[in-house]
């Protein structure tokens, strides 16, 4: 208690009453109280802001790189899960695996054999899916089909599989542009001579103008039909600048992920994943018709 001796300043400096006749009343003991309690000057505030911005500019690239690395890792995991499901599918289907799918509304038995990979593998990735009855929900519940690095645009399948038909090393049979039977569809695994270097699945490109989604939306709400766009069989699908580009070679900066028939997945440089030779399955020859059947 100060009594007649004074009050306490907000900054903890005592004020004393001077009984001298010359005193105007309460005086500050040392006139530095106001100086200690004053606000920042404009210059000081600007300095603090500048330092804060510098720190943010240093940290942001690191945060961005960490985020991109995390998305890339999730994508790799997705593709590994898909090729693991592929191995289970092969074991359950007489050593055949799906590639280019086909759908004919008048041939239901055909449709269950020549399924798109996205339909065929889904029951092995999602226990809720009946292998004989498609939910026809355009894969909305199958998270493993979605790449977190790809902008959402209505496509719930963000990967494409290898349906290239190589007539000989480095040469793709272009008859597939006009007749789907020249593309590589259902294939026995025994024809794959080098599964460790045979790319099965990679990144679906950006549907920049919405043309692929527009084409899909012209069809009925049937997954087996709508999933036919998620495979690649034309070199133009790998050509940057082409309106037909269907492979996202820059999905992860200068890289794109891919998974191979032996079950491993890896990040490939853009130049690699967009090189048609990377998609060579070493199963050469011109073949019209899908001669391989499960029964």
Protein backbone atom coordinates (compact mmCIF):
# COMPACT_ATOMS: atom_id res chain seq x y z
CA UNK A 1 0.00 0.00 0.00
CA UNK A 2 1.46 3.31 -1.08
CA UNK A 3 -0.62 5.70 1.08
CA UNK A 4 0.57 9.24 0.50
CA UNK A 5 3.65 8.09 -1.28
CA UNK A 6 2.04 7.50 -4.66
CA UNK A 7 0.35 5.19 -7.18
CA UNK A 8 1.79 2.47 -9.39
CA UNK A 9 2.41 3.15 -13.12
CA UNK A 10 1.09 0.56 -15.57
CA UNK A 11 4.68 -0.31 -16.39
CA UNK A 12 5.53 -0.85 -12.73
CA UNK A 13 7.15 2.56 -12.16
CA UNK A 14 5.93 4.26 -8.97
CA UNK A 15 4.45 7.75 -8.95
CA UNK A 16 5.23 9.84 -5.82
CA UNK A 17 3.40 12.85 -4.44
CA UNK A 18 5.66 15.80 -3.85
CA UNK A 19 4.60 17.97 -0.91
CA UNK A 20 6.71 20.82 -2.19
CA UNK A 21 4.73 24.00 -2.91
CA UNK A 22 6.24 24.01 -6.37
CA UNK A 23 4.88 20.58 -7.15
CA UNK A 24 1.88 20.44 -9.54
CA UNK A 25 0.69 17.22 -7.93
CA UNK A 26 1.70 13.69 -8.95
CA UNK A 27 5.09 13.41 -10.64
CA UNK A 28 6.58 10.41 -12.43
CA UNK A 29 9.62 9.02 -10.75
CA UNK A 30 11.96 9.16 -13.70
CA UNK A 31 10.08 10.38 -16.79
CA UNK A 32 10.76 7.17 -18.68
CA UNK A 33 7.39 5.49 -17.90
CA UNK A 34 5.71 6.81 -21.02
CA UNK A 35 8.77 5.98 -23.08
CA UNK A 36 8.69 2.35 -21.88
CA UNK A 37 4.97 1.97 -22.54
CA UNK A 38 4.85 3.55 -26.02
CA UNK A 39 3.70 1.64 -29.15
CA UNK A 40 5.89 0.58 -32.12
CA UNK A 41 6.82 3.32 -34.53
CA UNK A 42 5.85 2.88 -38.18
CA UNK A 43 9.44 2.09 -39.13
CA UNK A 44 9.71 -0.61 -36.48
CA UNK A 45 6.42 -2.14 -37.61
CA UNK A 46 7.60 -2.21 -41.23
CA UNK A 47 10.84 -3.89 -40.19
CA UNK A 48 8.90 -6.62 -38.33
CA UNK A 49 6.64 -7.16 -41.36
CA UNK A 50 9.64 -7.36 -43.69
CA UNK A 51 11.37 -9.94 -41.50
CA UNK A 52 8.18 -11.98 -41.31
CA UNK A 53 7.80 -11.96 -45.10
CA UNK A 54 11.40 -13.05 -45.54
CA UNK A 55 10.88 -15.98 -43.19
CA UNK A 56 7.69 -16.97 -45.02
CA UNK A 57 9.44 -16.77 -48.40
CA UNK A 58 12.13 -19.11 -47.08
CA UNK A 59 9.67 -21.62 -45.63
CA UNK A 60 7.04 -21.73 -48.39
CA UNK A 61 9.15 -23.58 -51.00
CA UNK A 62 10.00 -26.20 -48.41
CA UNK A 63 6.34 -26.60 -47.48
CA UNK A 64 5.40 -26.84 -51.17
CA UNK A 65 8.07 -29.45 -51.85
CA UNK A 66 6.96 -31.50 -48.87
CA UNK A 67 3.35 -31.38 -50.07
CA UNK A 68 4.33 -32.40 -53.62
CA UNK A 69 6.50 -35.24 -52.31
CA UNK A 70 3.59 -36.50 -50.20
CA UNK A 71 1.24 -36.48 -53.19
CA UNK A 72 3.80 -38.25 -55.33
CA UNK A 73 4.21 -40.93 -52.63
CA UNK A 74 0.43 -41.48 -52.41
CA UNK A 75 0.26 -41.82 -56.19
CA UNK A 76 3.06 -44.41 -56.16
CA UNK A 77 1.23 -46.31 -53.44
CA UNK A 78 -1.98 -46.25 -55.49
CA UNK A 79 -0.25 -47.72 -58.51
CA UNK A 80 1.46 -50.41 -56.44
CA UNK A 81 -1.92 -51.40 -55.04
CA UNK A 82 -3.36 -51.58 -58.55
CA UNK A 83 -0.64 -53.89 -59.88
CA UNK A 84 -0.93 -56.00 -56.71
CA UNK A 85 -4.65 -56.34 -57.46
CA UNK A 86 -3.69 -57.19 -61.03
CA UNK A 87 -1.65 -60.17 -59.81
CA UNK A 88 -4.68 -61.42 -57.85
CA UNK A 89 -6.88 -60.93 -60.91
CA UNK A 90 -4.44 -62.94 -63.05
CA UNK A 91 -4.46 -65.81 -60.55
CA UNK A 92 -8.26 -65.82 -60.56
CA UNK A 93 -8.68 -65.58 -64.34
CA UNK A 94 -6.55 -68.29 -65.88
CA UNK A 95 -3.44 -66.07 -66.09
CA UNK A 96 -5.08 -63.39 -68.27
CA UNK A 97 -4.93 -59.68 -67.51
CA UNK A 98 -7.06 -56.75 -68.74
CA UNK A 99 -5.78 -54.03 -71.03
CA UNK A 100 -7.95 -52.28 -73.63
CA UNK A 101 -11.56 -52.86 -72.63
CA UNK A 102 -14.55 -53.25 -74.89
CA UNK A 103 -18.26 -52.93 -74.35
CA UNK A 104 -21.09 -54.17 -76.56
CA UNK A 105 -24.62 -53.61 -75.19
CA UNK A 106 -25.84 -56.60 -77.17
CA UNK A 107 -23.22 -59.06 -75.90
CA UNK A 108 -23.36 -59.27 -72.13
CA UNK A 109 -21.18 -62.38 -71.93
CA UNK A 110 -18.53 -60.64 -74.01
CA UNK A 111 -18.63 -57.63 -71.72
CA UNK A 112 -17.85 -59.68 -68.60
CA UNK A 113 -14.80 -61.20 -70.31
CA UNK A 114 -13.33 -58.16 -72.08
CA UNK A 115 -13.69 -55.75 -69.19
CA UNK A 116 -11.85 -52.48 -68.88
CA UNK A 117 -9.08 -52.76 -66.29
CA UNK A 118 -10.83 -50.23 -64.02
CA UNK A 119 -13.91 -52.46 -63.83
CA UNK A 120 -12.06 -55.77 -63.73
CA UNK A 121 -9.65 -54.87 -60.94
CA UNK A 122 -12.07 -52.91 -58.78
CA UNK A 123 -13.43 -55.89 -56.79
CA UNK A 124 -9.84 -56.77 -55.83
CA UNK A 125 -9.32 -53.24 -54.50
CA UNK A 126 -12.69 -52.64 -52.84
CA UNK A 127 -14.33 -55.43 -50.83
CA UNK A 128 -17.74 -53.78 -51.20
CA UNK A 129 -17.78 -54.33 -54.97
CA UNK A 130 -19.43 -57.46 -56.35
CA UNK A 131 -17.26 -58.86 -59.18
CA UNK A 132 -20.37 -59.82 -61.17
CA UNK A 133 -22.47 -56.69 -60.63
CA UNK A 134 -21.09 -53.23 -61.39
CA UNK A 135 -22.43 -50.39 -59.21
CA UNK A 136 -22.28 -48.03 -62.20
CA UNK A 137 -21.28 -45.10 -60.01
CA UNK A 138 -18.38 -44.04 -62.24
CA UNK A 139 -15.88 -45.28 -59.61
CA UNK A 140 -16.76 -42.56 -57.11
CA UNK A 141 -15.93 -44.73 -54.09
CA UNK A 142 -12.61 -46.15 -55.32
CA UNK A 143 -10.08 -43.73 -53.85
CA UNK A 144 -7.09 -45.74 -55.09
CA UNK A 145 -7.97 -44.69 -58.65
CA UNK A 146 -7.44 -41.01 -57.81
CA UNK A 147 -4.12 -39.19 -57.95
CA UNK A 148 -3.97 -36.42 -55.31
CA UNK A 149 -1.71 -34.39 -57.60
CA UNK A 150 -4.32 -34.23 -60.37
CA UNK A 151 -6.82 -31.41 -60.48
CA UNK A 152 -10.40 -32.57 -59.94
CA UNK A 153 -12.37 -32.40 -63.17
CA UNK A 154 -14.99 -35.13 -62.94
CA UNK A 155 -12.67 -38.02 -63.83
CA UNK A 156 -12.64 -40.50 -60.97
CA UNK A 157 -10.06 -42.66 -62.74
CA UNK A 158 -6.73 -40.85 -62.94
CA UNK A 159 -4.61 -43.61 -64.47
CA UNK A 160 -4.31 -45.26 -67.88
CA UNK A 161 -3.05 -48.71 -68.85
CA UNK A 162 -0.86 -49.90 -71.68
CA UNK A 163 -2.81 -51.19 -74.69
CA UNK A 164 -0.16 -50.46 -77.32
CA UNK A 165 0.16 -53.08 -80.06
CA UNK A 166 3.77 -53.19 -81.22
CA UNK A 167 4.22 -54.65 -84.69
CA UNK A 168 7.98 -54.73 -84.07
CA UNK A 169 10.44 -52.94 -81.76
CA UNK A 170 9.76 -49.21 -81.88
CA UNK A 171 6.84 -49.56 -84.31
CA UNK A 172 3.23 -49.36 -83.14
CA UNK A 173 0.54 -50.96 -85.29
CA UNK A 174 -1.58 -47.93 -86.23
CA UNK A 175 -4.50 -50.06 -87.41
CA UNK A 176 -5.74 -49.66 -83.88
CA UNK A 177 -6.79 -46.10 -84.72
CA UNK A 178 -9.56 -47.46 -86.93
CA UNK A 179 -10.32 -50.88 -85.48
CA UNK A 180 -10.17 -51.65 -81.76
CA UNK A 181 -9.41 -55.29 -82.52
CA UNK A 182 -5.86 -54.33 -83.45
CA UNK A 183 -5.22 -52.92 -79.99
CA UNK A 184 -3.98 -55.10 -77.16
CA UNK A 185 -6.92 -56.32 -75.13
CA UNK A 186 -7.21 -59.27 -72.77
CA UNK A 187 -3.75 -60.88 -72.79
CA UNK A 188 -2.24 -64.03 -71.26
CA UNK A 189 0.57 -63.16 -68.88
CA UNK A 190 2.68 -65.88 -70.48
CA UNK A 191 3.19 -63.60 -73.51
CA UNK A 192 4.94 -61.00 -71.37
CA UNK A 193 8.62 -61.88 -71.73
CA UNK A 194 10.02 -59.13 -69.53
CA UNK A 195 7.44 -58.10 -66.89
CA UNK A 196 10.08 -56.20 -64.91
CA UNK A 197 10.41 -53.64 -67.72
CA UNK A 198 6.87 -53.81 -69.10
CA UNK A 199 4.97 -50.69 -68.08
CA UNK A 200 1.35 -51.48 -67.21
CA UNK A 201 -0.11 -48.28 -65.77
CA UNK A 202 0.77 -44.59 -65.56
CA UNK A 203 -0.74 -41.12 -65.20
CA UNK A 204 -3.89 -40.00 -66.99
CA UNK A 205 -3.29 -36.61 -68.61
CA UNK A 206 -5.28 -33.43 -68.12
CA UNK A 207 -8.57 -33.32 -69.96
CA UNK A 208 -7.90 -29.64 -70.57
CA UNK A 209 -10.80 -28.90 -72.89
CA UNK A 210 -13.18 -31.40 -71.32
CA UNK A 211 -13.52 -33.33 -74.58
CA UNK A 212 -12.93 -36.76 -73.03
CA UNK A 213 -15.47 -36.18 -70.29
CA UNK A 214 -17.92 -34.83 -72.87
CA UNK A 215 -17.52 -38.03 -74.90
CA UNK A 216 -17.95 -40.21 -71.81
CA UNK A 217 -21.12 -38.34 -70.89
CA UNK A 218 -22.71 -39.24 -74.23
CA UNK A 219 -22.83 -42.85 -73.08
CA UNK A 220 -25.15 -44.54 -70.67
CA UNK A 221 -24.32 -44.65 -66.98
CA UNK A 222 -22.54 -47.99 -67.34
CA UNK A 223 -19.03 -48.28 -65.87
CA UNK A 224 -17.95 -50.99 -68.32
CA UNK A 225 -18.66 -48.62 -71.18
CA UNK A 226 -17.45 -45.35 -69.66
CA UNK A 227 -14.14 -46.83 -68.51
CA UNK A 228 -12.96 -47.50 -72.06
CA UNK A 229 -11.15 -44.16 -72.24
CA UNK A 230 -8.61 -45.05 -69.57
CA UNK A 231 -6.09 -46.89 -71.72
CA UNK A 232 -3.56 -45.82 -74.35
CA UNK A 233 -2.81 -47.37 -77.73
CA UNK A 234 -1.87 -44.48 -80.06
CA UNK A 235 1.52 -42.68 -80.09
CA UNK A 236 -0.41 -39.40 -80.27
CA UNK A 237 -1.57 -40.07 -76.71
CA UNK A 238 2.05 -39.48 -75.67
CA UNK A 239 2.71 -36.36 -77.74
CA UNK A 240 2.76 -33.07 -75.83
CA UNK A 241 0.87 -30.46 -77.82
CA UNK A 242 -1.40 -33.06 -79.39
CA UNK A 243 -5.13 -32.66 -78.81
CA UNK A 244 -5.12 -36.40 -78.16
CA UNK A 245 -2.57 -36.30 -75.34
CA UNK A 246 -3.76 -38.81 -72.76
CA UNK A 247 -0.68 -39.39 -70.57
CA UNK A 248 0.29 -36.88 -67.86
CA UNK A 249 4.05 -36.88 -68.24
CA UNK A 250 4.46 -33.87 -65.93
CA UNK A 251 2.03 -34.90 -63.24
CA UNK A 252 4.73 -34.62 -60.57
CA UNK A 253 6.84 -31.77 -61.89
CA UNK A 254 9.45 -33.29 -64.19
CA UNK A 255 8.26 -36.81 -63.38
CA UNK A 256 5.32 -39.16 -63.72
CA UNK A 257 4.74 -42.37 -61.80
CA UNK A 258 4.36 -45.75 -63.46
CA UNK A 259 3.91 -49.34 -62.31
CA UNK A 260 5.17 -52.46 -64.05
CA UNK A 261 3.90 -55.98 -64.53
CA UNK A 262 6.33 -57.43 -61.99
CA UNK A 263 4.63 -55.34 -59.29
CA UNK A 264 7.10 -52.50 -58.74
CA UNK A 265 6.35 -48.80 -59.23
CA UNK A 266 8.73 -45.94 -59.93
CA UNK A 267 8.93 -42.27 -60.85
CA UNK A 268 10.00 -41.77 -64.45
CA UNK A 269 11.29 -38.63 -66.09
CA UNK A 270 8.85 -36.89 -68.40
CA UNK A 271 10.99 -37.78 -71.39
CA UNK A 272 10.83 -41.47 -70.43
CA UNK A 273 7.11 -41.80 -69.82
CA UNK A 274 6.31 -39.93 -73.06
CA UNK A 275 8.67 -42.13 -75.09
CA UNK A 276 6.64 -44.81 -76.86
CA UNK A 277 9.51 -47.29 -76.43
CA UNK A 278 8.94 -47.19 -72.66
CA UNK A 279 5.54 -48.78 -73.34
CA UNK A 280 6.95 -51.64 -75.43
CA UNK A 281 5.59 -54.95 -74.08
CA UNK A 282 7.88 -57.06 -76.34
CA UNK A 283 4.84 -58.92 -77.68
CA UNK A 284 5.31 -58.18 -81.37
CA UNK A 285 3.09 -58.80 -84.36
CA UNK A 286 0.03 -57.50 -86.18
CA UNK A 287 -3.10 -59.25 -84.90
CA UNK A 288 -6.67 -58.50 -85.84
CA UNK A 289 -9.11 -59.69 -83.27
CA UNK A 290 -8.83 -60.64 -79.64
CA UNK A 291 -8.17 -64.32 -79.94
CA UNK A 292 -7.49 -64.86 -76.28
CA UNK A 293 -10.42 -65.99 -74.20
CA UNK A 294 -10.86 -67.10 -70.64
CA UNK A 295 -12.80 -70.19 -71.61
